[in-house]
Amino acid sequence: MGEIFWSDVKYEDVPGESKIRPVIIVDELEDDLLILVSTTSQSPEDPPKYYDQYKIPIPNWRKSGLPKPSWGLGFKLLDITKRDFKKIIKDKDFIGKLYPQDFQYLVHQIELIHEDN
């Protein structure tokens, strides 16, 4: 777990539009993968907007292979079969792997976010 890949992420609020972004595998459940759908290079704003409360910092972004400072968007998770993932993601899409402490923190924060919802 903790592997990061480039993937085409669809915008929820703009049908038919998408953007290539890093996604992170956060858990493996038998034949399925649980994926943090996206990361962002936009830091939380001051004062914070609503979704800023779900941005999880990735301090060691360089060691993880990310091109710029990044935050995981902890509110949006995707459950996808390993088979479908392999159809969508190719070897060339691999970015790197989260630094272990960053991965543990990310998973803990995701758990906290989703236990309230």
PDB file of N, CA and C in Angstrom:
ATOM      1  N   MET A   1       0.821  -1.180   0.000  1.00  0.00           N
ATOM      2  CA  MET A   1       0.000   0.000   0.000  1.00  0.00           C
ATOM      3  C   MET A   1       0.876   1.259   0.000  1.00  0.00           C
ATOM      4  N   GLY A   2       0.248   2.379  -0.368  1.00  0.00           N
ATOM      5  CA  GLY A   2       0.976   3.633  -0.426  1.00  0.00           C
ATOM      6  C   GLY A   2       1.523   3.962  -1.803  1.00  0.00           C
ATOM      7  N   GLU A   3       1.312   3.065  -2.773  1.00  0.00           N
ATOM      8  CA  GLU A   3       1.786   3.332  -4.131  1.00  0.00           C
ATOM      9  C   GLU A   3       0.989   4.482  -4.734  1.00  0.00           C
ATOM     10  N   ILE A   4       1.697   5.291  -5.518  1.00  0.00           N
ATOM     11  CA  ILE A   4       1.089   6.479  -6.139  1.00  0.00           C
ATOM     12  C   ILE A   4       1.163   6.321  -7.653  1.00  0.00           C
ATOM     13  N   PHE A   5       0.056   6.592  -8.318  1.00  0.00           N
ATOM     14  CA  PHE A   5      -0.033   6.473  -9.776  1.00  0.00           C
ATOM     15  C   PHE A   5      -0.698   7.723 -10.355  1.00  0.00           C
ATOM     16  N   TRP A   6      -0.357   8.035 -11.615  1.00  0.00           N
ATOM     17  CA  TRP A   6      -1.097   9.054 -12.358  1.00  0.00           C
ATOM     18  C   TRP A   6      -2.388   8.411 -12.839  1.00  0.00           C
ATOM     19  N   SER A   7      -3.503   9.132 -12.715  1.00  0.00           N
ATOM     20  CA  SER A   7      -4.790   8.625 -13.189  1.00  0.00           C
ATOM     21  C   SER A   7      -5.661   9.789 -13.645  1.00  0.00           C
ATOM     22  N   ASP A   8      -6.562   9.490 -14.550  1.00  0.00           N
ATOM     23  CA  ASP A   8      -7.515  10.478 -15.033  1.00  0.00           C
ATOM     24  C   ASP A   8      -8.657  10.563 -14.025  1.00  0.00           C
ATOM     25  N   VAL A   9      -8.791  11.697 -13.349  1.00  0.00           N
ATOM     26  CA  VAL A   9      -9.802  11.876 -12.298  1.00  0.00           C
ATOM     27  C   VAL A   9     -10.875  12.821 -12.824  1.00  0.00           C
ATOM     28  N   LYS A  10     -12.111  12.322 -12.821  1.00  0.00           N
ATOM     29  CA  LYS A  10     -13.239  13.126 -13.317  1.00  0.00           C
ATOM     30  C   LYS A  10     -13.667  14.153 -12.272  1.00  0.00           C
ATOM     31  N   TYR A  11     -14.040  15.336 -12.749  1.00  0.00           N
ATOM     32  CA  TYR A  11     -14.600  16.371 -11.880  1.00  0.00           C
ATOM     33  C   TYR A  11     -16.045  16.005 -11.574  1.00  0.00           C
ATOM     34  N   GLU A  12     -16.430  16.076 -10.298  1.00  0.00           N
ATOM     35  CA  GLU A  12     -17.816  15.777  -9.934  1.00  0.00           C
ATOM     36  C   GLU A  12     -18.762  16.883 -10.361  1.00  0.00           C
ATOM     37  N   ASP A  13     -18.280  18.119 -10.326  1.00  0.00           N
ATOM     38  CA  ASP A  13     -19.159  19.254 -10.598  1.00  0.00           C
ATOM     39  C   ASP A  13     -19.163  19.700 -12.059  1.00  0.00           C
ATOM     40  N   VAL A  14     -18.309  19.082 -12.895  1.00  0.00           N
ATOM     41  CA  VAL A  14     -18.279  19.437 -14.320  1.00  0.00           C
ATOM     42  C   VAL A  14     -18.319  18.143 -15.139  1.00  0.00           C
ATOM     43  N   PRO A  15     -19.517  17.693 -15.526  1.00  0.00           N
ATOM     44  CA  PRO A  15     -19.645  16.438 -16.265  1.00  0.00           C
ATOM     45  C   PRO A  15     -18.790  16.432 -17.545  1.00  0.00           C
ATOM     46  N   GLY A  16     -18.125  15.323 -17.790  1.00  0.00           N
ATOM     47  CA  GLY A  16     -17.322  15.167 -18.994  1.00  0.00           C
ATOM     48  C   GLY A  16     -15.917  15.748 -18.903  1.00  0.00           C
ATOM     49  N   GLU A  17     -15.590  16.420 -17.806  1.00  0.00           N
ATOM     50  CA  GLU A  17     -14.256  17.001 -17.645  1.00  0.00           C
ATOM     51  C   GLU A  17     -13.466  16.210 -16.623  1.00  0.00           C
ATOM     52  N   SER A  18     -12.146  16.165 -16.833  1.00  0.00           N
ATOM     53  CA  SER A  18     -11.281  15.438 -15.914  1.00  0.00           C
ATOM     54  C   SER A  18      -9.878  16.037 -15.948  1.00  0.00           C
ATOM     55  N   LYS A  19      -9.033  15.516 -15.059  1.00  0.00           N
ATOM     56  CA  LYS A  19      -7.654  15.991 -14.976  1.00  0.00           C
ATOM     57  C   LYS A  19      -6.774  14.823 -14.557  1.00  0.00           C
ATOM     58  N   ILE A  20      -5.571  14.742 -15.115  1.00  0.00           N
ATOM     59  CA  ILE A  20      -4.619  13.716 -14.708  1.00  0.00           C
ATOM     60  C   ILE A  20      -4.018  14.153 -13.369  1.00  0.00           C
ATOM     61  N   ARG A  21      -4.179  13.287 -12.345  1.00  0.00           N
ATOM     62  CA  ARG A  21      -3.715  13.601 -10.998  1.00  0.00           C
ATOM     63  C   ARG A  21      -3.128  12.358 -10.352  1.00  0.00           C
ATOM     64  N   PRO A  22      -2.305  12.549  -9.334  1.00  0.00           N
ATOM     65  CA  PRO A  22      -1.839  11.388  -8.570  1.00  0.00           C
ATOM     66  C   PRO A  22      -2.969  10.802  -7.719  1.00  0.00           C
ATOM     67  N   VAL A  23      -3.036   9.473  -7.654  1.00  0.00           N
ATOM     68  CA  VAL A  23      -3.948   8.760  -6.765  1.00  0.00           C
ATOM     69  C   VAL A  23      -3.099   7.806  -5.919  1.00  0.00           C
ATOM     70  N   ILE A  24      -3.566   7.496  -4.726  1.00  0.00           N
ATOM     71  CA  ILE A  24      -2.792   6.698  -3.777  1.00  0.00           C
ATOM     72  C   ILE A  24      -3.605   5.468  -3.361  1.00  0.00           C
ATOM     73  N   ILE A  25      -2.996   4.288  -3.436  1.00  0.00           N
ATOM     74  CA  ILE A  25      -3.638   3.073  -2.939  1.00  0.00           C
ATOM     75  C   ILE A  25      -3.498   3.073  -1.421  1.00  0.00           C
ATOM     76  N   VAL A  26      -4.637   3.041  -0.714  1.00  0.00           N
ATOM     77  CA  VAL A  26      -4.589   3.102   0.744  1.00  0.00           C
ATOM     78  C   VAL A  26      -4.942   1.777   1.424  1.00  0.00           C
ATOM     79  N   ASP A  27      -5.582   0.845   0.701  1.00  0.00           N
ATOM     80  CA  ASP A  27      -5.902  -0.443   1.307  1.00  0.00           C
ATOM     81  C   ASP A  27      -6.209  -1.455   0.218  1.00  0.00           C
ATOM     82  N   GLU A  28      -6.045  -2.715   0.581  1.00  0.00           N
ATOM     83  CA  GLU A  28      -6.313  -3.823  -0.329  1.00  0.00           C
ATOM     84  C   GLU A  28      -7.284  -4.754   0.375  1.00  0.00           C
ATOM     85  N   LEU A  29      -8.410  -5.019  -0.256  1.00  0.00           N
ATOM     86  CA  LEU A  29      -9.456  -5.852   0.331  1.00  0.00           C
ATOM     87  C   LEU A  29      -9.778  -6.992  -0.624  1.00  0.00           C
ATOM     88  N   GLU A  30      -9.205  -8.157  -0.407  1.00  0.00           N
ATOM     89  CA  GLU A  30      -9.358  -9.326  -1.274  1.00  0.00           C
ATOM     90  C   GLU A  30      -9.105  -8.952  -2.737  1.00  0.00           C
ATOM     91  N   ASP A  31     -10.165  -8.837  -3.535  1.00  0.00           N
ATOM     92  CA  ASP A  31     -10.005  -8.525  -4.964  1.00  0.00           C
ATOM     93  C   ASP A  31     -10.128  -7.038  -5.270  1.00  0.00           C
ATOM     94  N   ASP A  32     -10.309  -6.232  -4.244  1.00  0.00           N
ATOM     95  CA  ASP A  32     -10.523  -4.805  -4.442  1.00  0.00           C
ATOM     96  C   ASP A  32      -9.381  -3.972  -3.879  1.00  0.00           C
ATOM     97  N   LEU A  33      -9.281  -2.762  -4.400  1.00  0.00           N
ATOM     98  CA  LEU A  33      -8.340  -1.773  -3.885  1.00  0.00           C
ATOM     99  C   LEU A  33      -9.146  -0.571  -3.409  1.00  0.00           C
ATOM    100  N   LEU A  34      -8.721   0.007  -2.308  1.00  0.00           N
ATOM    101  CA  LEU A  34      -9.318   1.253  -1.832  1.00  0.00           C
ATOM    102  C   LEU A  34      -8.323   2.349  -2.161  1.00  0.00           C
ATOM    103  N   ILE A  35      -8.774   3.329  -2.919  1.00  0.00           N
ATOM    104  CA  ILE A  35      -7.880   4.355  -3.446  1.00  0.00           C
ATOM    105  C   ILE A  35      -8.317   5.735  -2.981  1.00  0.00           C
ATOM    106  N   LEU A  36      -7.332   6.505  -2.511  1.00  0.00           N
ATOM    107  CA  LEU A  36      -7.570   7.927  -2.271  1.00  0.00           C
ATOM    108  C   LEU A  36      -7.580   8.543  -3.657  1.00  0.00           C
ATOM    109  N   VAL A  37      -8.716   9.053  -4.054  1.00  0.00           N
ATOM    110  CA  VAL A  37      -8.913   9.411  -5.443  1.00  0.00           C
ATOM    111  C   VAL A  37      -7.941  10.451  -5.949  1.00  0.00           C
ATOM    112  N   SER A  38      -7.486  11.327  -5.126  1.00  0.00           N
ATOM    113  CA  SER A  38      -6.695  12.391  -5.710  1.00  0.00           C
ATOM    114  C   SER A  38      -5.828  13.089  -4.681  1.00  0.00           C
ATOM    115  N   THR A  39      -4.816  13.745  -5.196  1.00  0.00           N
ATOM    116  CA  THR A  39      -4.034  14.657  -4.373  1.00  0.00           C
ATOM    117  C   THR A  39      -4.124  16.027  -5.026  1.00  0.00           C
ATOM    118  N   THR A  40      -3.757  17.016  -4.272  1.00  0.00           N
ATOM    119  CA  THR A  40      -3.766  18.376  -4.806  1.00  0.00           C
ATOM    120  C   THR A  40      -2.476  19.074  -4.408  1.00  0.00           C
ATOM    121  N   SER A  41      -2.064  20.029  -5.216  1.00  0.00           N
ATOM    122  CA  SER A  41      -0.903  20.844  -4.865  1.00  0.00           C
ATOM    123  C   SER A  41      -1.367  22.187  -4.287  1.00  0.00           C
ATOM    124  N   GLN A  42      -2.681  22.329  -4.100  1.00  0.00           N
ATOM    125  CA  GLN A  42      -3.227  23.561  -3.536  1.00  0.00           C
ATOM    126  C   GLN A  42      -3.324  23.423  -2.018  1.00  0.00           C
ATOM    127  N   SER A  43      -2.541  24.201  -1.317  1.00  0.00           N
ATOM    128  CA  SER A  43      -2.542  24.135   0.146  1.00  0.00           C
ATOM    129  C   SER A  43      -3.864  24.659   0.699  1.00  0.00           C
ATOM    130  N   PRO A  44      -4.178  24.298   1.950  1.00  0.00           N
ATOM    131  CA  PRO A  44      -5.383  24.853   2.560  1.00  0.00           C
ATOM    132  C   PRO A  44      -5.296  26.381   2.601  1.00  0.00           C
ATOM    133  N   GLU A  45      -6.430  27.013   2.398  1.00  0.00           N
ATOM    134  CA  GLU A  45      -6.450  28.473   2.377  1.00  0.00           C
ATOM    135  C   GLU A  45      -6.593  29.038   3.789  1.00  0.00           C
ATOM    136  N   ASP A  46      -6.261  30.293   3.953  1.00  0.00           N
ATOM    137  CA  ASP A  46      -6.390  30.961   5.229  1.00  0.00           C
ATOM    138  C   ASP A  46      -7.237  32.212   5.021  1.00  0.00           C
ATOM    139  N   PRO A  47      -8.469  32.286   5.508  1.00  0.00           N
ATOM    140  CA  PRO A  47      -9.126  31.274   6.327  1.00  0.00           C
ATOM    141  C   PRO A  47      -9.529  30.063   5.476  1.00  0.00           C
ATOM    142  N   PRO A  48      -9.624  28.881   6.126  1.00  0.00           N
ATOM    143  CA  PRO A  48      -9.925  27.654   5.377  1.00  0.00           C
ATOM    144  C   PRO A  48     -11.325  27.656   4.773  1.00  0.00           C
ATOM    145  N   LYS A  49     -11.422  27.067   3.589  1.00  0.00           N
ATOM    146  CA  LYS A  49     -12.727  26.830   2.976  1.00  0.00           C
ATOM    147  C   LYS A  49     -13.204  25.451   3.438  1.00  0.00           C
ATOM    148  N   TYR A  50     -14.417  25.072   3.100  1.00  0.00           N
ATOM    149  CA  TYR A  50     -15.011  23.829   3.590  1.00  0.00           C
ATOM    150  C   TYR A  50     -14.120  22.610   3.341  1.00  0.00           C
ATOM    151  N   TYR A  51     -13.672  22.386   2.112  1.00  0.00           N
ATOM    152  CA  TYR A  51     -12.917  21.175   1.788  1.00  0.00           C
ATOM    153  C   TYR A  51     -11.479  21.199   2.312  1.00  0.00           C
ATOM    154  N   ASP A  52     -11.000  22.349   2.740  1.00  0.00           N
ATOM    155  CA  ASP A  52      -9.651  22.418   3.290  1.00  0.00           C
ATOM    156  C   ASP A  52      -9.503  21.537   4.534  1.00  0.00           C
ATOM    157  N   GLN A  53     -10.598  21.322   5.266  1.00  0.00           N
ATOM    158  CA  GLN A  53     -10.526  20.488   6.463  1.00  0.00           C
ATOM    159  C   GLN A  53     -10.197  19.033   6.131  1.00  0.00           C
ATOM    160  N   TYR A  54     -10.340  18.634   4.873  1.00  0.00           N
ATOM    161  CA  TYR A  54     -10.069  17.256   4.453  1.00  0.00           C
ATOM    162  C   TYR A  54      -8.716  17.094   3.763  1.00  0.00           C
ATOM    163  N   LYS A  55      -7.950  18.158   3.651  1.00  0.00           N
ATOM    164  CA  LYS A  55      -6.640  18.082   3.004  1.00  0.00           C
ATOM    165  C   LYS A  55      -5.610  17.563   4.005  1.00  0.00           C
ATOM    166  N   ILE A  56      -4.977  16.450   3.640  1.00  0.00           N
ATOM    167  CA  ILE A  56      -4.018  15.787   4.518  1.00  0.00           C
ATOM    168  C   ILE A  56      -2.617  16.029   3.950  1.00  0.00           C
ATOM    169  N   PRO A  57      -1.738  16.686   4.702  1.00  0.00           N
ATOM    170  CA  PRO A  57      -0.410  17.004   4.173  1.00  0.00           C
ATOM    171  C   PRO A  57       0.437  15.764   3.917  1.00  0.00           C
ATOM    172  N   ILE A  58       1.240  15.837   2.863  1.00  0.00           N
ATOM    173  CA  ILE A  58       2.216  14.793   2.539  1.00  0.00           C
ATOM    174  C   ILE A  58       3.581  15.469   2.645  1.00  0.00           C
ATOM    175  N   PRO A  59       4.171  15.479   3.865  1.00  0.00           N
ATOM    176  CA  PRO A  59       5.419  16.220   4.089  1.00  0.00           C
ATOM    177  C   PRO A  59       6.590  15.754   3.218  1.00  0.00           C
ATOM    178  N   ASN A  60       6.704  14.468   3.001  1.00  0.00           N
ATOM    179  CA  ASN A  60       7.832  13.922   2.237  1.00  0.00           C
ATOM    180  C   ASN A  60       7.445  13.668   0.783  1.00  0.00           C
ATOM    181  N   TRP A  61       6.807  14.656   0.180  1.00  0.00           N
ATOM    182  CA  TRP A  61       6.296  14.509  -1.187  1.00  0.00           C
ATOM    183  C   TRP A  61       7.413  14.225  -2.183  1.00  0.00           C
ATOM    184  N   ARG A  62       8.577  14.829  -2.007  1.00  0.00           N
ATOM    185  CA  ARG A  62       9.695  14.577  -2.937  1.00  0.00           C
ATOM    186  C   ARG A  62      10.159  13.127  -2.865  1.00  0.00           C
ATOM    187  N   LYS A  63      10.322  12.602  -1.648  1.00  0.00           N
ATOM    188  CA  LYS A  63      10.761  11.214  -1.467  1.00  0.00           C
ATOM    189  C   LYS A  63       9.746  10.231  -2.034  1.00  0.00           C
ATOM    190  N   SER A  64       8.499  10.674  -2.148  1.00  0.00           N
ATOM    191  CA  SER A  64       7.435   9.827  -2.681  1.00  0.00           C
ATOM    192  C   SER A  64       7.330   9.900  -4.198  1.00  0.00           C
ATOM    193  N   GLY A  65       8.093  10.794  -4.819  1.00  0.00           N
ATOM    194  CA  GLY A  65       8.063  10.934  -6.272  1.00  0.00           C
ATOM    195  C   GLY A  65       7.079  11.956  -6.788  1.00  0.00           C
ATOM    196  N   LEU A  66       6.406  12.670  -5.879  1.00  0.00           N
ATOM    197  CA  LEU A  66       5.450  13.688  -6.321  1.00  0.00           C
ATOM    198  C   LEU A  66       6.194  14.919  -6.819  1.00  0.00           C
ATOM    199  N   PRO A  67       5.690  15.563  -7.870  1.00  0.00           N
ATOM    200  CA  PRO A  67       6.410  16.674  -8.494  1.00  0.00           C
ATOM    201  C   PRO A  67       6.376  17.995  -7.717  1.00  0.00           C
ATOM    202  N   LYS A  68       5.435  18.155  -6.774  1.00  0.00           N
ATOM    203  CA  LYS A  68       5.343  19.399  -6.007  1.00  0.00           C
ATOM    204  C   LYS A  68       4.682  19.124  -4.663  1.00  0.00           C
ATOM    205  N   PRO A  69       4.750  20.075  -3.729  1.00  0.00           N
ATOM    206  CA  PRO A  69       4.093  19.873  -2.435  1.00  0.00           C
ATOM    207  C   PRO A  69       2.646  19.423  -2.644  1.00  0.00           C
ATOM    208  N   SER A  70       2.230  18.425  -1.837  1.00  0.00           N
ATOM    209  CA  SER A  70       0.930  17.803  -2.079  1.00  0.00           C
ATOM    210  C   SER A  70       0.171  17.526  -0.797  1.00  0.00           C
ATOM    211  N   TRP A  71      -1.152  17.468  -0.946  1.00  0.00           N
ATOM    212  CA  TRP A  71      -2.073  17.119   0.124  1.00  0.00           C
ATOM    213  C   TRP A  71      -3.016  16.060  -0.415  1.00  0.00           C
ATOM    214  N   GLY A  72      -3.308  15.036   0.388  1.00  0.00           N
ATOM    215  CA  GLY A  72      -4.306  14.050   0.004  1.00  0.00           C
ATOM    216  C   GLY A  72      -5.686  14.600   0.283  1.00  0.00           C
ATOM    217  N   LEU A  73      -6.602  14.342  -0.613  1.00  0.00           N
ATOM    218  CA  LEU A  73      -7.986  14.791  -0.431  1.00  0.00           C
ATOM    219  C   LEU A  73      -8.753  13.668   0.265  1.00  0.00           C
ATOM    220  N   GLY A  74      -8.750  13.695   1.589  1.00  0.00           N
ATOM    221  CA  GLY A  74      -9.222  12.578   2.393  1.00  0.00           C
ATOM    222  C   GLY A  74     -10.703  12.285   2.367  1.00  0.00           C
ATOM    223  N   PHE A  75     -11.510  13.119   1.747  1.00  0.00           N
ATOM    224  CA  PHE A  75     -12.947  12.903   1.752  1.00  0.00           C
ATOM    225  C   PHE A  75     -13.423  11.967   0.657  1.00  0.00           C
ATOM    226  N   LYS A  76     -12.609  11.709  -0.363  1.00  0.00           N
ATOM    227  CA  LYS A  76     -13.093  10.952  -1.508  1.00  0.00           C
ATOM    228  C   LYS A  76     -12.277   9.679  -1.705  1.00  0.00           C
ATOM    229  N   LEU A  77     -12.927   8.547  -1.458  1.00  0.00           N
ATOM    230  CA  LEU A  77     -12.291   7.249  -1.649  1.00  0.00           C
ATOM    231  C   LEU A  77     -13.032   6.481  -2.729  1.00  0.00           C
ATOM    232  N   LEU A  78     -12.312   5.649  -3.436  1.00  0.00           N
ATOM    233  CA  LEU A  78     -12.876   4.848  -4.512  1.00  0.00           C
ATOM    234  C   LEU A  78     -12.541   3.391  -4.263  1.00  0.00           C
ATOM    235  N   ASP A  79     -13.541   2.534  -4.394  1.00  0.00           N
ATOM    236  CA  ASP A  79     -13.350   1.095  -4.294  1.00  0.00           C
ATOM    237  C   ASP A  79     -13.359   0.565  -5.732  1.00  0.00           C
ATOM    238  N   ILE A  80     -12.272  -0.064  -6.145  1.00  0.00           N
ATOM    239  CA  ILE A  80     -12.150  -0.546  -7.518  1.00  0.00           C
ATOM    240  C   ILE A  80     -11.543  -1.944  -7.494  1.00  0.00           C
ATOM    241  N   THR A  81     -11.966  -2.806  -8.406  1.00  0.00           N
ATOM    242  CA  THR A  81     -11.384  -4.143  -8.435  1.00  0.00           C
ATOM    243  C   THR A  81      -9.944  -4.052  -8.943  1.00  0.00           C
ATOM    244  N   LYS A  82      -9.109  -4.974  -8.501  1.00  0.00           N
ATOM    245  CA  LYS A  82      -7.721  -5.012  -8.962  1.00  0.00           C
ATOM    246  C   LYS A  82      -7.690  -5.189 -10.482  1.00  0.00           C
ATOM    247  N   ARG A  83      -8.619  -5.963 -10.990  1.00  0.00           N
ATOM    248  CA  ARG A  83      -8.685  -6.212 -12.440  1.00  0.00           C
ATOM    249  C   ARG A  83      -8.961  -4.928 -13.213  1.00  0.00           C
ATOM    250  N   ASP A  84      -9.942  -4.143 -12.752  1.00  0.00           N
ATOM    251  CA  ASP A  84     -10.255  -2.877 -13.416  1.00  0.00           C
ATOM    252  C   ASP A  84      -9.101  -1.885 -13.287  1.00  0.00           C
ATOM    253  N   PHE A  85      -8.464  -1.877 -12.115  1.00  0.00           N
ATOM    254  CA  PHE A  85      -7.325  -0.995 -11.904  1.00  0.00           C
ATOM    255  C   PHE A  85      -6.226  -1.298 -12.909  1.00  0.00           C
ATOM    256  N   LYS A  86      -5.947  -2.578 -13.124  1.00  0.00           N
ATOM    257  CA  LYS A  86      -4.893  -2.979 -14.070  1.00  0.00           C
ATOM    258  C   LYS A  86      -5.251  -2.610 -15.512  1.00  0.00           C
ATOM    259  N   LYS A  87      -6.541  -2.522 -15.830  1.00  0.00           N
ATOM    260  CA  LYS A  87      -6.973  -2.099 -17.172  1.00  0.00           C
ATOM    261  C   LYS A  87      -6.727  -0.606 -17.375  1.00  0.00           C
ATOM    262  N   ILE A  88      -6.911   0.160 -16.303  1.00  0.00           N
ATOM    263  CA  ILE A  88      -6.825   1.619 -16.379  1.00  0.00           C
ATOM    264  C   ILE A  88      -5.395   2.119 -16.219  1.00  0.00           C
ATOM    265  N   ILE A  89      -4.669   1.568 -15.248  1.00  0.00           N
ATOM    266  CA  ILE A  89      -3.337   2.053 -14.885  1.00  0.00           C
ATOM    267  C   ILE A  89      -2.268   1.180 -15.518  1.00  0.00           C
ATOM    268  N   LYS A  90      -1.309   1.803 -16.142  1.00  0.00           N
ATOM    269  CA  LYS A  90      -0.194   1.097 -16.794  1.00  0.00           C
ATOM    270  C   LYS A  90       1.096   1.323 -16.002  1.00  0.00           C
ATOM    271  N   ASP A  91       2.121   0.534 -16.279  1.00  0.00           N
ATOM    272  CA  ASP A  91       3.404   0.660 -15.567  1.00  0.00           C
ATOM    273  C   ASP A  91       3.960   2.081 -15.635  1.00  0.00           C
ATOM    274  N   LYS A  92       3.783   2.736 -16.769  1.00  0.00           N
ATOM    275  CA  LYS A  92       4.318   4.093 -16.954  1.00  0.00           C
ATOM    276  C   LYS A  92       3.631   5.115 -16.048  1.00  0.00           C
ATOM    277  N   ASP A  93       2.471   4.744 -15.467  1.00  0.00           N
ATOM    278  CA  ASP A  93       1.715   5.653 -14.605  1.00  0.00           C
ATOM    279  C   ASP A  93       2.224   5.653 -13.155  1.00  0.00           C
ATOM    280  N   PHE A  94       3.146   4.744 -12.834  1.00  0.00           N
ATOM    281  CA  PHE A  94       3.665   4.655 -11.470  1.00  0.00           C
ATOM    282  C   PHE A  94       4.526   5.873 -11.158  1.00  0.00           C
ATOM    283  N   ILE A  95       4.248   6.521 -10.012  1.00  0.00           N
ATOM    284  CA  ILE A  95       5.002   7.704  -9.581  1.00  0.00           C
ATOM    285  C   ILE A  95       6.007   7.327  -8.504  1.00  0.00           C
ATOM    286  N   GLY A  96       5.549   6.591  -7.511  1.00  0.00           N
ATOM    287  CA  GLY A  96       6.399   6.234  -6.384  1.00  0.00           C
ATOM    288  C   GLY A  96       5.559   5.676  -5.264  1.00  0.00           C
ATOM    289  N   LYS A  97       6.122   5.709  -4.070  1.00  0.00           N
ATOM    290  CA  LYS A  97       5.431   5.179  -2.899  1.00  0.00           C
ATOM    291  C   LYS A  97       5.573   6.182  -1.754  1.00  0.00           C
ATOM    292  N   LEU A  98       4.470   6.366  -1.021  1.00  0.00           N
ATOM    293  CA  LEU A  98       4.505   7.300   0.101  1.00  0.00           C
ATOM    294  C   LEU A  98       5.546   6.877   1.130  1.00  0.00           C
ATOM    295  N   TYR A  99       6.232   7.844   1.670  1.00  0.00           N
ATOM    296  CA  TYR A  99       7.155   7.651   2.773  1.00  0.00           C
ATOM    297  C   TYR A  99       6.354   6.991   3.910  1.00  0.00           C
ATOM    298  N   PRO A 100       6.876   5.961   4.599  1.00  0.00           N
ATOM    299  CA  PRO A 100       6.080   5.200   5.579  1.00  0.00           C
ATOM    300  C   PRO A 100       5.337   6.042   6.618  1.00  0.00           C
ATOM    301  N   GLN A 101       5.987   7.038   7.205  1.00  0.00           N
ATOM    302  CA  GLN A 101       5.309   7.868   8.200  1.00  0.00           C
ATOM    303  C   GLN A 101       4.172   8.676   7.578  1.00  0.00           C
ATOM    304  N   ASP A 102       4.374   9.142   6.343  1.00  0.00           N
ATOM    305  CA  ASP A 102       3.313   9.876   5.643  1.00  0.00           C
ATOM    306  C   ASP A 102       2.123   8.958   5.385  1.00  0.00           C
ATOM    307  N   PHE A 103       2.399   7.710   5.002  1.00  0.00           N
ATOM    308  CA  PHE A 103       1.325   6.763   4.717  1.00  0.00           C
ATOM    309  C   PHE A 103       0.521   6.473   5.988  1.00  0.00           C
ATOM    310  N   GLN A 104       1.200   6.215   7.093  1.00  0.00           N
ATOM    311  CA  GLN A 104       0.508   5.931   8.354  1.00  0.00           C
ATOM    312  C   GLN A 104      -0.367   7.120   8.775  1.00  0.00           C
ATOM    313  N   TYR A 105       0.174   8.319   8.651  1.00  0.00           N
ATOM    314  CA  TYR A 105      -0.577   9.518   9.010  1.00  0.00           C
ATOM    315  C   TYR A 105      -1.789   9.696   8.092  1.00  0.00           C
ATOM    316  N   LEU A 106      -1.584   9.495   6.793  1.00  0.00           N
ATOM    317  CA  LEU A 106      -2.662   9.632   5.811  1.00  0.00           C
ATOM    318  C   LEU A 106      -3.803   8.676   6.133  1.00  0.00           C
ATOM    319  N   VAL A 107      -3.486   7.403   6.364  1.00  0.00           N
ATOM    320  CA  VAL A 107      -4.516   6.406   6.660  1.00  0.00           C
ATOM    321  C   VAL A 107      -5.249   6.762   7.951  1.00  0.00           C
ATOM    322  N   HIS A 108      -4.513   7.184   8.971  1.00  0.00           N
ATOM    323  CA  HIS A 108      -5.141   7.566  10.239  1.00  0.00           C
ATOM    324  C   HIS A 108      -6.110   8.736  10.029  1.00  0.00           C
ATOM    325  N   GLN A 109      -5.690   9.741   9.285  1.00  0.00           N
ATOM    326  CA  GLN A 109      -6.545  10.899   9.032  1.00  0.00           C
ATOM    327  C   GLN A 109      -7.787  10.514   8.216  1.00  0.00           C
ATOM    328  N   ILE A 110      -7.616   9.621   7.240  1.00  0.00           N
ATOM    329  CA  ILE A 110      -8.759   9.157   6.439  1.00  0.00           C
ATOM    330  C   ILE A 110      -9.763   8.438   7.354  1.00  0.00           C
ATOM    331  N   GLU A 111      -9.262   7.598   8.254  1.00  0.00           N
ATOM    332  CA  GLU A 111     -10.133   6.904   9.191  1.00  0.00           C
ATOM    333  C   GLU A 111     -10.921   7.898  10.045  1.00  0.00           C
ATOM    334  N   LEU A 112     -10.249   8.929  10.535  1.00  0.00           N
ATOM    335  CA  LEU A 112     -10.931   9.940  11.348  1.00  0.00           C
ATOM    336  C   LEU A 112     -12.002  10.670  10.535  1.00  0.00           C
ATOM    337  N   ILE A 113     -11.685  11.022   9.314  1.00  0.00           N
ATOM    338  CA  ILE A 113     -12.641  11.730   8.451  1.00  0.00           C
ATOM    339  C   ILE A 113     -13.883  10.877   8.204  1.00  0.00           C
ATOM    340  N   HIS A 114     -13.658   9.584   7.910  1.00  0.00           N
ATOM    341  CA  HIS A 114     -14.774   8.735   7.502  1.00  0.00           C
ATOM    342  C   HIS A 114     -15.541   8.115   8.662  1.00  0.00           C
ATOM    343  N   GLU A 115     -14.996   8.167   9.875  1.00  0.00           N
ATOM    344  CA  GLU A 115     -15.778   7.667  11.011  1.00  0.00           C
ATOM    345  C   GLU A 115     -16.883   8.649  11.380  1.00  0.00           C
ATOM    346  N   ASP A 116     -16.715   9.906  11.002  1.00  0.00           N
ATOM    347  CA  ASP A 116     -17.732  10.931  11.267  1.00  0.00           C
ATOM    348  C   ASP A 116     -18.830  10.944  10.216  1.00  0.00           C
ATOM    349  N   ASN A 117     -18.571  10.312   9.049  1.00  0.00           N
ATOM    350  CA  ASN A 117     -19.553  10.371   7.944  1.00  0.00           C
ATOM    351  C   ASN A 117     -20.328   9.087   7.814  1.00  0.00           C
TER     352      ASN A 117
END
